[in-house]
C-alpha atoms as a PDB file:
ATOM      1  CA  MET A   1       0.000   0.000   0.000  1.00  0.00           C
ATOM      2  CA  GLU A   2       1.288   3.444  -0.945  1.00  0.00           C
ATOM      3  CA  HIS A   3       2.010   5.953   1.783  1.00  0.00           C
ATOM      4  CA  PRO A   4      -0.649   8.713   1.605  1.00  0.00           C
ATOM      5  CA  ASP A   5       1.998  11.450   1.572  1.00  0.00           C
ATOM      6  CA  ALA A   6       3.531   9.910  -1.555  1.00  0.00           C
ATOM      7  CA  LEU A   7       0.337   9.951  -3.649  1.00  0.00           C
ATOM      8  CA  PRO A   8       0.674  13.425  -5.229  1.00  0.00           C
ATOM      9  CA  LEU A   9       4.280  12.739  -6.217  1.00  0.00           C
ATOM     10  CA  ALA A  10       3.389   9.284  -7.535  1.00  0.00           C
ATOM     11  CA  GLU A  11       0.544  10.707  -9.631  1.00  0.00           C
ATOM     12  CA  LEU A  12       2.846  13.381 -11.050  1.00  0.00           C
ATOM     13  CA  CYS A  13       5.533  10.802 -11.799  1.00  0.00           C
ATOM     14  CA  ASP A  14       3.066   8.441 -13.498  1.00  0.00           C
ATOM     15  CA  THR A  15       1.568  11.241 -15.574  1.00  0.00           C
ATOM     16  CA  LEU A  16       4.996  12.446 -16.671  1.00  0.00           C
ATOM     17  CA  ILE A  17       6.055   8.958 -17.763  1.00  0.00           C
ATOM     18  CA  GLN A  18       2.764   8.028 -19.428  1.00  0.00           C
ATOM     19  CA  THR A  19       2.388  11.276 -21.386  1.00  0.00           C
ATOM     20  CA  ARG A  20       5.888  11.484 -22.847  1.00  0.00           C
ATOM     21  CA  ARG A  21       5.903  10.674 -26.562  1.00  0.00           C
ATOM     22  CA  HIS A  22       8.648  10.104 -29.078  1.00  0.00           C
ATOM     23  CA  ILE A  23       8.720  13.042 -31.490  1.00  0.00           C
ATOM     24  CA  GLY A  24      10.990  12.540 -34.484  1.00  0.00           C
ATOM     25  CA  PRO A  25      13.543  15.233 -35.405  1.00  0.00           C
ATOM     26  CA  ARG A  26      11.520  16.355 -38.430  1.00  0.00           C
ATOM     27  CA  ARG A  27       8.636  17.294 -36.113  1.00  0.00           C
ATOM     28  CA  LEU A  28      10.753  19.403 -33.771  1.00  0.00           C
ATOM     29  CA  GLU A  29      11.180  23.153 -34.127  1.00  0.00           C
ATOM     30  CA  ALA A  30      12.521  26.054 -32.068  1.00  0.00           C
ATOM     31  CA  PRO A  31      12.573  26.850 -29.297  1.00  0.00           C
ATOM     32  CA  GLY A  32      14.687  24.119 -27.815  1.00  0.00           C
ATOM     33  CA  PRO A  33      16.171  24.098 -24.328  1.00  0.00           C
ATOM     34  CA  ASP A  34      18.784  26.803 -23.768  1.00  0.00           C
ATOM     35  CA  ALA A  35      22.182  26.172 -22.190  1.00  0.00           C
ATOM     36  CA  ALA A  36      20.947  26.643 -18.616  1.00  0.00           C
ATOM     37  CA  THR A  37      18.042  24.263 -19.181  1.00  0.00           C
ATOM     38  CA  LEU A  38      20.346  21.720 -20.793  1.00  0.00           C
ATOM     39  CA  ARG A  39      22.546  21.814 -17.717  1.00  0.00           C
ATOM     40  CA  ALA A  40      19.484  21.064 -15.585  1.00  0.00           C
ATOM     41  CA  LEU A  41      18.589  18.150 -17.874  1.00  0.00           C
ATOM     42  CA  PHE A  42      22.115  16.759 -17.638  1.00  0.00           C
ATOM     43  CA  ALA A  43      21.969  17.075 -13.842  1.00  0.00           C
ATOM     44  CA  CYS A  44      18.917  14.796 -13.982  1.00  0.00           C
ATOM     45  CA  ALA A  45      20.805  12.398 -16.263  1.00  0.00           C
ATOM     46  CA  ALA A  46      23.573  12.257 -13.657  1.00  0.00           C
ATOM     47  CA  ALA A  47      21.091  10.783 -11.146  1.00  0.00           C
ATOM     48  CA  ALA A  48      20.931   7.534 -13.155  1.00  0.00           C
ATOM     49  CA  PRO A  49      21.943   4.272 -11.455  1.00  0.00           C
ATOM     50  CA  ASP A  50      25.722   3.963 -11.691  1.00  0.00           C
ATOM     51  CA  HIS A  51      27.290   0.895 -10.072  1.00  0.00           C
ATOM     52  CA  GLU A  52      30.786   1.676  -8.741  1.00  0.00           C
ATOM     53  CA  ARG A  53      30.295   5.305  -9.838  1.00  0.00           C
ATOM     54  CA  LEU A  54      32.017   4.697 -13.155  1.00  0.00           C
ATOM     55  CA  ARG A  55      29.846   7.225 -15.014  1.00  0.00           C
ATOM     56  CA  PRO A  56      30.133   4.943 -18.062  1.00  0.00           C
ATOM     57  CA  TRP A  57      28.694   7.444 -20.517  1.00  0.00           C
ATOM     58  CA  ARG A  58      28.942  10.988 -21.784  1.00  0.00           C
ATOM     59  CA  PHE A  59      26.945  13.360 -23.977  1.00  0.00           C
ATOM     60  CA  LEU A  60      28.029  15.694 -26.755  1.00  0.00           C
ATOM     61  CA  VAL A  61      25.953  18.817 -27.411  1.00  0.00           C
ATOM     62  CA  LEU A  62      26.353  19.353 -31.148  1.00  0.00           C
ATOM     63  CA  GLY A  63      26.648  23.026 -32.081  1.00  0.00           C
ATOM     64  CA  PRO A  64      26.707  24.537 -35.601  1.00  0.00           C
ATOM     65  CA  SER A  65      30.244  23.446 -36.563  1.00  0.00           C
ATOM     66  CA  ALA A  66      29.671  19.984 -35.106  1.00  0.00           C
ATOM     67  CA  ARG A  67      26.439  19.723 -37.121  1.00  0.00           C
ATOM     68  CA  GLU A  68      28.384  20.511 -40.294  1.00  0.00           C
ATOM     69  CA  ARG A  69      30.840  17.723 -39.443  1.00  0.00           C
ATOM     70  CA  LEU A  70      27.961  15.394 -38.683  1.00  0.00           C
ATOM     71  CA  ALA A  71      26.361  16.189 -42.047  1.00  0.00           C
ATOM     72  CA  GLN A  72      29.588  15.199 -43.784  1.00  0.00           C
ATOM     73  CA  CYS A  73      29.731  12.019 -41.683  1.00  0.00           C
ATOM     74  CA  PHE A  74      26.196  11.076 -42.722  1.00  0.00           C
ATOM     75  CA  ALA A  75      27.046  11.596 -46.383  1.00  0.00           C
ATOM     76  CA  ALA A  76      30.349   9.713 -46.125  1.00  0.00           C
ATOM     77  CA  ALA A  77      28.709   6.799 -44.301  1.00  0.00           C
ATOM     78  CA  LEU A  78      26.052   6.586 -47.021  1.00  0.00           C
ATOM     79  CA  ARG A  79      28.725   6.622 -49.773  1.00  0.00           C
ATOM     80  CA  GLU A  80      30.533   3.833 -47.943  1.00  0.00           C
ATOM     81  CA  ARG A  81      27.377   1.716 -47.826  1.00  0.00           C
ATOM     82  CA  ASP A  82      26.249   2.654 -51.329  1.00  0.00           C
ATOM     83  CA  PRO A  83      28.946   3.949 -53.709  1.00  0.00           C
ATOM     84  CA  GLN A  84      26.198   4.562 -56.283  1.00  0.00           C
ATOM     85  CA  ALA A  85      24.241   6.955 -54.043  1.00  0.00           C
ATOM     86  CA  GLU A  86      22.781   9.849 -56.030  1.00  0.00           C
ATOM     87  CA  PRO A  87      23.568  13.483 -55.151  1.00  0.00           C
ATOM     88  CA  ALA A  88      19.984  13.946 -53.921  1.00  0.00           C
ATOM     89  CA  GLN A  89      20.381  10.981 -51.565  1.00  0.00           C
ATOM     90  CA  LEU A  90      23.649  12.366 -50.219  1.00  0.00           C
ATOM     91  CA  GLU A  91      22.015  15.751 -49.648  1.00  0.00           C
ATOM     92  CA  GLN A  92      19.130  14.076 -47.841  1.00  0.00           C
ATOM     93  CA  ALA A  93      21.647  12.286 -45.607  1.00  0.00           C
ATOM     94  CA  ARG A  94      23.392  15.597 -44.834  1.00  0.00           C
ATOM     95  CA  GLU A  95      20.100  17.319 -44.057  1.00  0.00           C
ATOM     96  CA  LYS A  96      19.415  14.931 -41.170  1.00  0.00           C
ATOM     97  CA  ALA A  97      22.123  16.684 -39.135  1.00  0.00           C
ATOM     98  CA  PHE A  98      20.131  19.934 -39.006  1.00  0.00           C
ATOM     99  CA  ARG A  99      16.586  18.856 -38.194  1.00  0.00           C
ATOM    100  CA  ALA A 100      16.126  19.436 -34.464  1.00  0.00           C
ATOM    101  CA  PRO A 101      16.882  22.677 -32.572  1.00  0.00           C
ATOM    102  CA  VAL A 102      19.077  20.780 -30.088  1.00  0.00           C
ATOM    103  CA  LEU A 103      20.956  17.599 -30.942  1.00  0.00           C
ATOM    104  CA  LEU A 104      22.888  15.440 -28.479  1.00  0.00           C
ATOM    105  CA  LEU A 105      25.055  12.400 -29.089  1.00  0.00           C
ATOM    106  CA  ALA A 106      24.942   9.783 -26.312  1.00  0.00           C
ATOM    107  CA  ILE A 107      28.164   7.790 -25.929  1.00  0.00           C
ATOM    108  CA  ALA A 108      28.647   4.680 -23.802  1.00  0.00           C
ATOM    109  CA  ASP A 109      32.056   4.169 -22.203  1.00  0.00           C
ATOM    110  CA  LEU A 110      32.895   0.466 -22.132  1.00  0.00           C
ATOM    111  CA  ARG A 111      36.644   0.959 -21.646  1.00  0.00           C
ATOM    112  CA  ALA A 112      37.327   0.643 -17.924  1.00  0.00           C
ATOM    113  CA  GLU A 113      38.417  -2.796 -16.761  1.00  0.00           C
ATOM    114  CA  GLN A 114      35.828  -3.394 -14.059  1.00  0.00           C
ATOM    115  CA  PRO A 115      34.575  -6.985 -13.827  1.00  0.00           C
ATOM    116  CA  ASP A 116      31.838  -6.003 -11.369  1.00  0.00           C
ATOM    117  CA  VAL A 117      30.260  -3.687 -13.973  1.00  0.00           C
ATOM    118  CA  PRO A 118      30.104  -5.521 -17.316  1.00  0.00           C
ATOM    119  CA  PRO A 119      29.263  -3.694 -20.570  1.00  0.00           C
ATOM    120  CA  PRO A 120      25.537  -4.562 -20.542  1.00  0.00           C
ATOM    121  CA  GLU A 121      25.163  -2.955 -17.110  1.00  0.00           C
ATOM    122  CA  ARG A 122      26.916   0.178 -18.366  1.00  0.00           C
ATOM    123  CA  LEU A 123      24.530   0.382 -21.308  1.00  0.00           C
ATOM    124  CA  VAL A 124      21.608   0.091 -18.882  1.00  0.00           C
ATOM    125  CA  SER A 125      23.086   3.000 -16.912  1.00  0.00           C
ATOM    126  CA  LEU A 126      23.243   5.110 -20.077  1.00  0.00           C
ATOM    127  CA  GLY A 127      19.664   4.135 -20.922  1.00  0.00           C
ATOM    128  CA  CYS A 128      18.563   5.324 -17.477  1.00  0.00           C
ATOM    129  CA  ALA A 129      20.478   8.586 -17.917  1.00  0.00           C
ATOM    130  CA  ILE A 130      18.774   9.165 -21.260  1.00  0.00           C
ATOM    131  CA  GLN A 131      15.333   8.424 -19.822  1.00  0.00           C
ATOM    132  CA  ASN A 132      15.967  10.825 -16.937  1.00  0.00           C
ATOM    133  CA  LEU A 133      16.925  13.500 -19.459  1.00  0.00           C
ATOM    134  CA  LEU A 134      13.866  12.833 -21.650  1.00  0.00           C
ATOM    135  CA  LEU A 135      11.475  13.012 -18.706  1.00  0.00           C
ATOM    136  CA  ALA A 136      13.116  16.166 -17.356  1.00  0.00           C
ATOM    137  CA  ALA A 137      12.756  17.770 -20.798  1.00  0.00           C
ATOM    138  CA  HIS A 138       9.111  16.695 -20.989  1.00  0.00           C
ATOM    139  CA  ALA A 139       8.447  18.187 -17.543  1.00  0.00           C
ATOM    140  CA  ARG A 140       9.747  21.516 -18.875  1.00  0.00           C
ATOM    141  CA  GLY A 141       7.482  21.434 -21.931  1.00  0.00           C
ATOM    142  CA  PHE A 142      10.003  20.216 -24.505  1.00  0.00           C
ATOM    143  CA  ALA A 143       9.494  17.325 -26.886  1.00  0.00           C
ATOM    144  CA  SER A 144      12.165  14.747 -27.620  1.00  0.00           C
ATOM    145  CA  GLY A 145      13.065  11.741 -29.693  1.00  0.00           C
ATOM    146  CA  LEU A 146      15.835   9.190 -30.051  1.00  0.00           C
ATOM    147  CA  SER A 147      17.350   8.200 -33.376  1.00  0.00           C
ATOM    148  CA  SER A 148      20.108   5.873 -34.454  1.00  0.00           C
ATOM    149  CA  GLY A 149      21.332   4.518 -37.791  1.00  0.00           C
ATOM    150  CA  ARG A 150      24.333   2.800 -39.283  1.00  0.00           C
ATOM    151  CA  ALA A 151      26.335   6.038 -39.483  1.00  0.00           C
ATOM    152  CA  LEU A 152      26.769   5.884 -35.699  1.00  0.00           C
ATOM    153  CA  GLN A 153      29.174   2.975 -36.124  1.00  0.00           C
ATOM    154  CA  SER A 154      31.119   4.493 -39.006  1.00  0.00           C
ATOM    155  CA  GLN A 155      34.814   5.210 -38.578  1.00  0.00           C
ATOM    156  CA  VAL A 156      34.385   8.685 -40.033  1.00  0.00           C
ATOM    157  CA  LEU A 157      31.916   9.619 -37.272  1.00  0.00           C
ATOM    158  CA  ARG A 158      34.154   8.128 -34.589  1.00  0.00           C
ATOM    159  CA  GLU A 159      37.081  10.203 -35.828  1.00  0.00           C
ATOM    160  CA  ALA A 160      35.021  13.376 -36.277  1.00  0.00           C
ATOM    161  CA  PHE A 161      33.867  13.299 -32.650  1.00  0.00           C
ATOM    162  CA  GLY A 162      36.923  11.852 -30.936  1.00  0.00           C
ATOM    163  CA  LEU A 163      35.534   8.508 -29.821  1.00  0.00           C
ATOM    164  CA  GLN A 164      38.131   6.276 -28.219  1.00  0.00           C
ATOM    165  CA  ALA A 165      38.488   2.526 -28.634  1.00  0.00           C
ATOM    166  CA  GLY A 166      35.906   0.982 -26.319  1.00  0.00           C
ATOM    167  CA  GLU A 167      33.458   3.890 -26.621  1.00  0.00           C
ATOM    168  CA  LEU A 168      30.153   3.323 -28.394  1.00  0.00           C
ATOM    169  CA  ALA A 169      28.067   6.034 -30.060  1.00  0.00           C
ATOM    170  CA  LEU A 170      24.663   4.752 -28.981  1.00  0.00           C
ATOM    171  CA  CYS A 171      22.087   7.231 -30.251  1.00  0.00           C
ATOM    172  CA  PHE A 172      21.153  10.820 -30.957  1.00  0.00           C
ATOM    173  CA  VAL A 173      18.775  12.710 -28.681  1.00  0.00           C
ATOM    174  CA  SER A 174      16.762  15.452 -30.401  1.00  0.00           C
ATOM    175  CA  LEU A 175      15.083  18.178 -28.344  1.00  0.00           C
ATOM    176  CA  GLY A 176      12.758  21.015 -29.276  1.00  0.00           C
ATOM    177  CA  THR A 177       9.124  22.018 -29.541  1.00  0.00           C
ATOM    178  CA  ALA A 178       6.729  19.603 -31.227  1.00  0.00           C
ATOM    179  CA  THR A 179       5.064  20.802 -34.426  1.00  0.00           C
ATOM    180  CA  ARG A 180       2.665  17.875 -34.284  1.00  0.00           C
ATOM    181  CA  VAL A 181       2.003  15.171 -31.706  1.00  0.00           C
ATOM    182  CA  LYS A 182       0.802  11.803 -32.893  1.00  0.00           C
ATOM    183  CA  PRO A 183      -2.077  10.132 -31.042  1.00  0.00           C
ATOM    184  CA  PRO A 184      -0.836   7.941 -28.189  1.00  0.00           C
ATOM    185  CA  GLN A 185       0.026   4.406 -29.161  1.00  0.00           C
ATOM    186  CA  GLY A 186      -1.138   1.484 -27.110  1.00  0.00           C
ATOM    187  CA  ARG A 187       1.159   0.326 -24.350  1.00  0.00           C
ATOM    188  CA  PRO A 188       1.611  -3.344 -23.512  1.00  0.00           C
ATOM    189  CA  SER A 189      -0.402  -4.564 -20.568  1.00  0.00           C
ATOM    190  CA  VAL A 190       1.539  -5.481 -17.462  1.00  0.00           C
ATOM    191  CA  ASP A 191       0.727  -9.180 -17.885  1.00  0.00           C
ATOM    192  CA  GLU A 192       2.309  -9.199 -21.338  1.00  0.00           C
ATOM    193  CA  PHE A 193       5.810  -8.622 -19.975  1.00  0.00           C
ATOM    194  CA  VAL A 194       5.681  -9.501 -16.252  1.00  0.00           C
ATOM    195  CA  GLN A 195       5.762 -12.997 -14.806  1.00  0.00           C
ATOM    196  CA  TRP A 196       5.172 -13.405 -11.071  1.00  0.00           C
ATOM    197  CA  VAL A 197       7.598 -16.095  -9.929  1.00  0.00           C
ATOM    198  CA  ALA A 198       6.825 -17.846  -6.634  1.00  0.00           C
END
């Protein structure tokens, strides 16, 4: 049974989680969170579970010059996958770097030799940090979405953003104001993914 004093906070927490929606980068426009708000979002990310306090992740906030580099990475990664890519396809790949007002790159750090914290646990920690950030952004009225793609694993992207051996570019986090919100999709029922084990 829930403690009565916890009910308002629990209701707020549940509402925040249940009302957050993925909004793709193409449906995000200005304004996005400013630098002070981003720092508050990252402070929430820092509250993620972190066994042994490794902080096995980091975020890059991609500014204008970084977006230009990212655009070239997207185009180069496409050329690598498809040497016959048309100029229009390459331009479309470049354009993806400029869609959202704020773009973050989430990087997992799998380098440290720490047998008590294996790589899967570090990825879970990064996932929790990202979710904290998404919910904190939602609480402040901003929309968000995650995106990935094969370019994340390209050598050109790793070099452009200084990833070290053992670091993994996991996903992009786009933040801004939603131009359109899709109707809520159905969520799985609890019994679909929970088994009560006696």
